[in-house]
Protein backbone atom coordinates (compact mmCIF):
# COMPACT_ATOMS: atom_id res chain seq x y z
CA UNK A 1 -7.22 -7.89 16.04
CA UNK A 2 -7.72 -9.06 12.48
CA UNK A 3 -6.77 -6.75 9.62
CA UNK A 4 -7.60 -7.38 6.13
CA UNK A 5 -5.05 -5.98 3.89
CA UNK A 6 -5.67 -5.11 0.02
CA UNK A 7 -3.50 -3.43 -2.22
CA UNK A 8 -3.47 -2.30 -5.98
CA UNK A 9 -7.09 -2.35 -6.79
CA UNK A 10 -7.05 -0.38 -9.77
CA UNK A 11 -10.53 0.56 -9.92
CA UNK A 12 -12.16 2.12 -12.69
CA UNK A 13 -15.55 1.95 -14.87
CA UNK A 14 -13.13 0.76 -17.87
CA UNK A 15 -11.60 -2.01 -15.67
CA UNK A 16 -14.56 -4.16 -14.95
CA UNK A 17 -12.06 -7.09 -14.47
CA UNK A 18 -10.32 -5.39 -11.47
CA UNK A 19 -13.85 -4.16 -10.04
CA UNK A 20 -14.67 -8.31 -10.35
CA UNK A 21 -11.60 -9.16 -8.43
CA UNK A 22 -12.51 -6.23 -5.66
CA UNK A 23 -15.90 -7.68 -5.19
CA UNK A 24 -14.33 -11.16 -5.02
CA UNK A 25 -11.98 -9.91 -2.11
CA UNK A 26 -14.93 -8.22 -0.30
CA UNK A 27 -16.66 -11.42 -0.01
CA UNK A 28 -13.65 -13.19 1.35
CA UNK A 29 -13.12 -10.44 4.14
CA UNK A 30 -16.83 -10.70 5.02
CA UNK A 31 -16.18 -14.57 5.72
CA UNK A 32 -12.76 -13.91 7.36
CA UNK A 33 -14.56 -11.48 9.78
CA UNK A 34 -11.81 -9.13 10.10
CA UNK A 35 -12.02 -6.27 12.36
CA UNK A 36 -10.49 -3.82 9.89
CA UNK A 37 -9.42 -3.38 6.44
CA UNK A 38 -6.18 -1.40 5.24
CA UNK A 39 -5.89 -0.74 1.63
CA UNK A 40 -2.11 0.31 0.48
CA UNK A 41 -2.86 2.61 -2.37
CA UNK A 42 -3.31 2.70 -6.05
CA UNK A 43 -6.78 2.45 -5.17
CA UNK A 44 -8.07 3.51 -8.45
CA UNK A 45 -6.72 2.90 -12.11
CA UNK A 46 -5.38 6.48 -13.07
CA UNK A 47 -6.97 8.95 -10.43
CA UNK A 48 -3.84 10.85 -10.54
CA UNK A 49 -4.84 12.17 -14.03
CA UNK A 50 -8.82 11.11 -14.07
CA UNK A 51 -10.17 12.37 -10.78
CA UNK A 52 -13.49 10.94 -11.74
CA UNK A 53 -11.66 7.24 -11.11
CA UNK A 54 -11.02 8.56 -7.32
CA UNK A 55 -14.53 8.84 -7.25
CA UNK A 56 -15.41 5.73 -8.87
CA UNK A 57 -13.25 3.76 -6.76
CA UNK A 58 -14.56 5.68 -3.52
CA UNK A 59 -18.00 4.49 -4.57
CA UNK A 60 -17.12 0.93 -4.67
CA UNK A 61 -15.49 0.83 -1.54
CA UNK A 62 -18.73 2.09 0.50
CA UNK A 63 -20.07 -1.48 0.66
CA UNK A 64 -16.91 -2.72 2.02
CA UNK A 65 -17.65 -5.06 5.01
CA UNK A 66 -15.15 -3.78 7.67
CA UNK A 67 -14.31 -0.31 8.55
CA UNK A 68 -11.52 0.68 6.00
CA UNK A 69 -8.58 3.07 6.00
CA UNK A 70 -6.26 3.92 3.13
CA UNK A 71 -2.88 5.26 2.16
CA UNK A 72 -2.61 6.93 -1.34
CA UNK A 73 -0.55 5.44 -4.09
CA UNK A 74 1.10 6.57 -7.26
CA UNK A 75 -2.02 5.97 -9.26
CA UNK A 76 -4.08 7.85 -6.62
CA UNK A 77 -1.50 11.10 -6.44
CA UNK A 78 1.11 10.50 -9.15
CA UNK A 79 4.70 9.67 -8.69
CA UNK A 80 6.24 10.72 -5.50
CA UNK A 81 9.16 10.06 -3.25
CA UNK A 82 11.11 12.97 -4.78
CA UNK A 83 10.73 11.92 -8.56
CA UNK A 84 8.31 14.54 -9.44
CA UNK A 85 6.67 17.38 -7.66
CA UNK A 86 4.05 17.15 -5.36
CA UNK A 87 0.77 18.55 -6.90
CA UNK A 88 -1.38 20.03 -3.99
CA UNK A 89 -4.45 19.69 -6.05
CA UNK A 90 -3.97 15.86 -6.74
CA UNK A 91 -3.65 15.43 -2.58
CA UNK A 92 -6.48 17.37 -2.07
CA UNK A 93 -8.77 15.38 -4.45
CA UNK A 94 -7.48 12.13 -2.82
CA UNK A 95 -8.44 13.34 0.61
CA UNK A 96 -11.89 14.41 -0.68
CA UNK A 97 -12.41 10.73 -1.27
CA UNK A 98 -10.57 8.83 1.04
CA UNK A 99 -9.86 10.82 4.12
CA UNK A 100 -6.51 12.01 5.69
CA UNK A 101 -3.37 10.72 3.63
CA UNK A 102 -2.14 9.69 7.17
CA UNK A 103 -3.78 8.17 10.25
CA UNK A 104 -3.12 6.13 13.44
CA UNK A 105 -5.34 3.53 15.12
CA UNK A 106 -4.86 2.14 18.18
CA UNK A 107 -5.66 -1.62 19.36
CA UNK A 108 -4.39 -2.91 22.62
CA UNK A 109 -0.56 -3.12 22.96
CA UNK A 110 -0.57 -2.20 19.19
CA UNK A 111 -0.33 1.31 17.08
CA UNK A 112 -1.34 0.88 13.46
CA UNK A 113 0.32 3.95 11.65
CA UNK A 114 -0.81 4.68 7.95
CA UNK A 115 1.44 7.03 6.17
CA UNK A 116 1.68 8.72 2.63
CA UNK A 117 4.48 7.15 0.83
CA UNK A 118 4.52 9.80 -2.16
CA UNK A 119 5.32 12.36 0.38
CA UNK A 120 8.69 10.90 1.36
CA UNK A 121 11.81 12.65 -0.31
CA UNK A 122 9.81 15.41 -1.27
CA UNK A 123 10.92 17.97 0.63
CA UNK A 124 7.46 19.52 0.69
CA UNK A 125 5.76 21.36 4.10
CA UNK A 126 3.58 18.07 3.63
CA UNK A 127 6.25 15.93 4.08
CA UNK A 128 7.83 17.75 7.18
CA UNK A 129 4.16 17.88 8.59
CA UNK A 130 3.90 13.99 8.04
CA UNK A 131 7.39 13.55 9.92
CA UNK A 132 6.32 15.79 12.78
CA UNK A 133 3.09 14.03 13.24
CA UNK A 134 4.78 10.44 12.84
CA UNK A 135 7.29 11.84 15.97
CA UNK A 136 4.27 12.82 18.00
CA UNK A 137 3.16 9.44 17.74
CA UNK A 138 6.30 7.53 18.36
CA UNK A 139 6.30 9.60 21.71
CA UNK A 140 2.84 8.12 22.05
CA UNK A 141 3.60 4.64 21.53
CA UNK A 142 6.90 4.84 24.01
CA UNK A 143 4.42 5.85 26.67
CA UNK A 144 1.69 3.82 26.05
CA UNK A 145 1.92 0.68 23.75
CA UNK A 146 4.78 -1.81 23.23
CA UNK A 147 4.44 -2.44 19.50
CA UNK A 148 3.30 -0.67 16.24
CA UNK A 149 2.99 -1.88 12.53
CA UNK A 150 3.69 0.62 9.67
CA UNK A 151 1.37 0.95 6.53
CA UNK A 152 2.29 2.52 3.46
CA UNK A 153 2.05 2.14 -0.51
CA UNK A 154 5.82 1.49 -1.17
CA UNK A 155 7.91 -1.09 0.31
CA UNK A 156 11.19 -0.21 2.17
CA UNK A 157 12.66 -3.83 1.85
CA UNK A 158 15.30 -4.05 -0.62
CA UNK A 159 15.79 -7.67 -1.00
CA UNK A 160 19.05 -7.97 -3.45
CA UNK A 161 21.82 -5.90 -4.05
CA UNK A 162 20.61 -4.90 -7.57
CA UNK A 163 17.62 -3.20 -5.96
CA UNK A 164 19.57 -0.64 -4.13
CA UNK A 165 20.20 1.47 -7.50
CA UNK A 166 16.06 1.03 -8.54
CA UNK A 167 14.15 4.11 -8.64
CA UNK A 168 10.39 4.06 -8.62
CA UNK A 169 9.77 0.91 -6.49
CA UNK A 170 11.03 1.97 -3.15
CA UNK A 171 10.82 4.91 -0.97
CA UNK A 172 14.32 7.03 -0.87
CA UNK A 173 17.09 5.45 1.20
CA UNK A 174 17.12 8.44 3.81
CA UNK A 175 13.39 7.96 4.40
CA UNK A 176 13.86 4.26 4.91
CA UNK A 177 16.73 4.79 7.24
CA UNK A 178 14.58 7.13 9.21
CA UNK A 179 11.56 5.10 9.55
CA UNK A 180 13.54 2.05 10.56
CA UNK A 181 16.18 3.52 12.82
CA UNK A 182 14.27 6.82 13.86
CA UNK A 183 11.49 7.35 16.15
CA UNK A 184 9.75 4.12 15.47
CA UNK A 185 12.73 2.03 15.97
CA UNK A 186 11.79 0.35 19.36
CA UNK A 187 8.24 -0.40 18.70
CA UNK A 188 8.26 -1.42 14.87
CA UNK A 189 7.59 -4.69 14.55
CA UNK A 190 6.01 -4.78 10.71
CA UNK A 191 6.10 -2.93 7.61
CA UNK A 192 3.15 -3.61 5.18
CA UNK A 193 3.18 -2.38 1.76
CA UNK A 194 1.81 -2.68 -1.77
CA UNK A 195 2.89 -0.92 -5.26
CA UNK A 196 5.18 -4.24 -6.43
CA UNK A 197 2.27 -6.51 -7.38
CA UNK A 198 4.06 -9.13 -6.20
CA UNK A 199 4.03 -10.87 -2.82
CA UNK A 200 7.43 -11.01 -0.44
CA UNK A 201 7.95 -12.03 3.33
CA UNK A 202 11.28 -11.42 4.67
CA UNK A 203 12.53 -10.38 8.29
CA UNK A 204 15.42 -7.76 8.71
CA UNK A 205 16.67 -6.83 12.04
CA UNK A 206 13.77 -7.92 14.11
CA UNK A 207 11.14 -5.97 11.40
CA UNK A 208 8.93 -8.27 9.30
CA UNK A 209 8.37 -6.66 5.98
CA UNK A 210 5.30 -7.86 4.08
CA UNK A 211 4.84 -7.22 0.32
CA UNK A 212 0.88 -7.37 -0.81
CA UNK A 213 0.09 -8.50 -4.25
CA UNK A 214 -2.68 -6.64 -6.20
CA UNK A 215 -6.43 -8.01 -6.08
CA UNK A 216 -6.49 -6.84 -9.70
CA UNK A 217 -3.53 -8.28 -11.98
CA UNK A 218 -0.14 -9.19 -12.25
CA UNK A 219 2.59 -8.00 -14.67
CA UNK A 220 4.42 -10.52 -17.06
CA UNK A 221 8.04 -11.00 -16.13
CA UNK A 222 8.76 -9.10 -19.57
CA UNK A 223 7.63 -6.04 -18.20
CA UNK A 224 8.37 -6.08 -14.78
CA UNK A 225 11.35 -8.10 -12.99
CA UNK A 226 10.13 -10.90 -10.77
CA UNK A 227 11.35 -10.56 -7.02
CA UNK A 228 8.59 -12.06 -5.16
CA UNK A 229 5.82 -14.10 -6.04
CA UNK A 230 3.49 -13.19 -8.91
CA UNK A 231 0.02 -13.56 -7.49
CA UNK A 232 -3.11 -12.01 -7.08
CA UNK A 233 -4.99 -11.85 -3.66
CA UNK A 234 -5.38 -10.40 -0.21
CA UNK A 235 -3.54 -10.60 3.12
CA UNK A 236 -5.11 -11.18 6.97
CA UNK A 237 -2.98 -9.83 9.81
CA UNK A 238 -3.50 -10.86 13.13
CA UNK A 239 -2.13 -9.29 16.09
CA UNK A 240 -2.02 -11.05 19.48
CA UNK A 241 -0.12 -10.15 22.68
CA UNK A 242 3.52 -9.42 20.82
CA UNK A 243 2.82 -11.90 17.97
CA UNK A 244 2.38 -11.34 14.32
CA UNK A 245 0.72 -13.96 12.14
CA UNK A 246 -0.11 -13.29 8.17
CA UNK A 247 -1.78 -15.53 5.67
CA UNK A 248 -2.15 -14.86 2.11
CA UNK A 249 -5.36 -15.36 0.45
CA UNK A 250 -6.49 -16.16 -3.17
CA UNK A 251 -10.05 -16.01 -2.83
CA UNK A 252 -12.70 -17.92 -4.80
CA UNK A 253 -13.68 -15.76 -7.88
CA UNK A 254 -10.57 -13.67 -8.12
CA UNK A 255 -8.82 -14.24 -11.32
CA UNK A 256 -4.98 -13.92 -11.99
CA UNK A 257 -5.41 -11.43 -14.60
CA UNK A 258 -2.09 -10.63 -16.65
CA UNK A 259 -2.26 -6.99 -17.36
CA UNK A 260 -1.59 -7.11 -20.86
CA UNK A 261 -4.89 -9.05 -21.32
CA UNK A 262 -7.24 -6.49 -19.78
CA UNK A 263 -8.78 -3.67 -22.19
CA UNK A 264 -7.45 -0.66 -20.34
CA UNK A 265 -3.46 -1.63 -21.14
CA UNK A 266 -1.81 -0.43 -24.10
CA UNK A 267 1.32 -1.55 -24.90
CA UNK A 268 3.03 1.80 -24.81
CA UNK A 269 1.85 2.73 -21.37
CA UNK A 270 2.58 0.41 -18.93
CA UNK A 271 0.41 0.86 -15.76
CA UNK A 272 3.46 0.99 -12.66
CA UNK A 273 6.34 3.03 -14.35
CA UNK A 274 9.67 2.70 -13.24
CA UNK A 275 12.92 3.71 -15.04
CA UNK A 276 13.98 0.03 -15.67
CA UNK A 277 11.16 -2.12 -14.70
CA UNK A 278 7.77 -2.03 -13.23
CA UNK A 279 6.51 -2.36 -9.83
């Protein structure tokens, strides 16, 4: 199975450069003949405060060349992972445009699982319901399948010691441990995330962690700490037997925009805020 991976498209009418890059990504996915696409969140530029941008982003996905599944990001729901209270109205607005915030797709020996990272650490009934749902799917994988891939907006992997205390970039430590050592521990082969606008590919404990760059723009080093590679692009994940292959692609026509050069950016308002850095 060939899965196209896109992240952080930040679509809005006021961000024509992001829309143009999205269309370049669509052309590339059509040429790649992928079976499925997974969008890793931050579909909209600021849908968490401008619901019309959720609707605009949804309209831009209608012509996508493959079936597409989405997971929400902070720019679709607002800050999560326990940093701020979940707004059920924002979650409802997201689901009205993009469907369920968690899902599973079976593909031969593989189970593809998408979850809402914004819920993790929130302590809400919605988070508890997602954990119950995930445990049910983990039992199904033990019975019927050998391997799973987890898709979510925020990464689990902290690649260096100084990342362990950073808020805003990762899911909580407790949620990370529960995902890696809990019900999926026997089947999990890869974790695929967005959010950082950087690319990273590391394998730890037999699990491959893939950070997808944004299709839209990069953040300069002066406003975001560099951890991985700052590129724009998309990914192609191929699953066969028990193997995972990944290719990072920078398609023809996709521009490597710096966010500070785009019209919607204001110096006092960074688009992907963390307390100490961005990502």
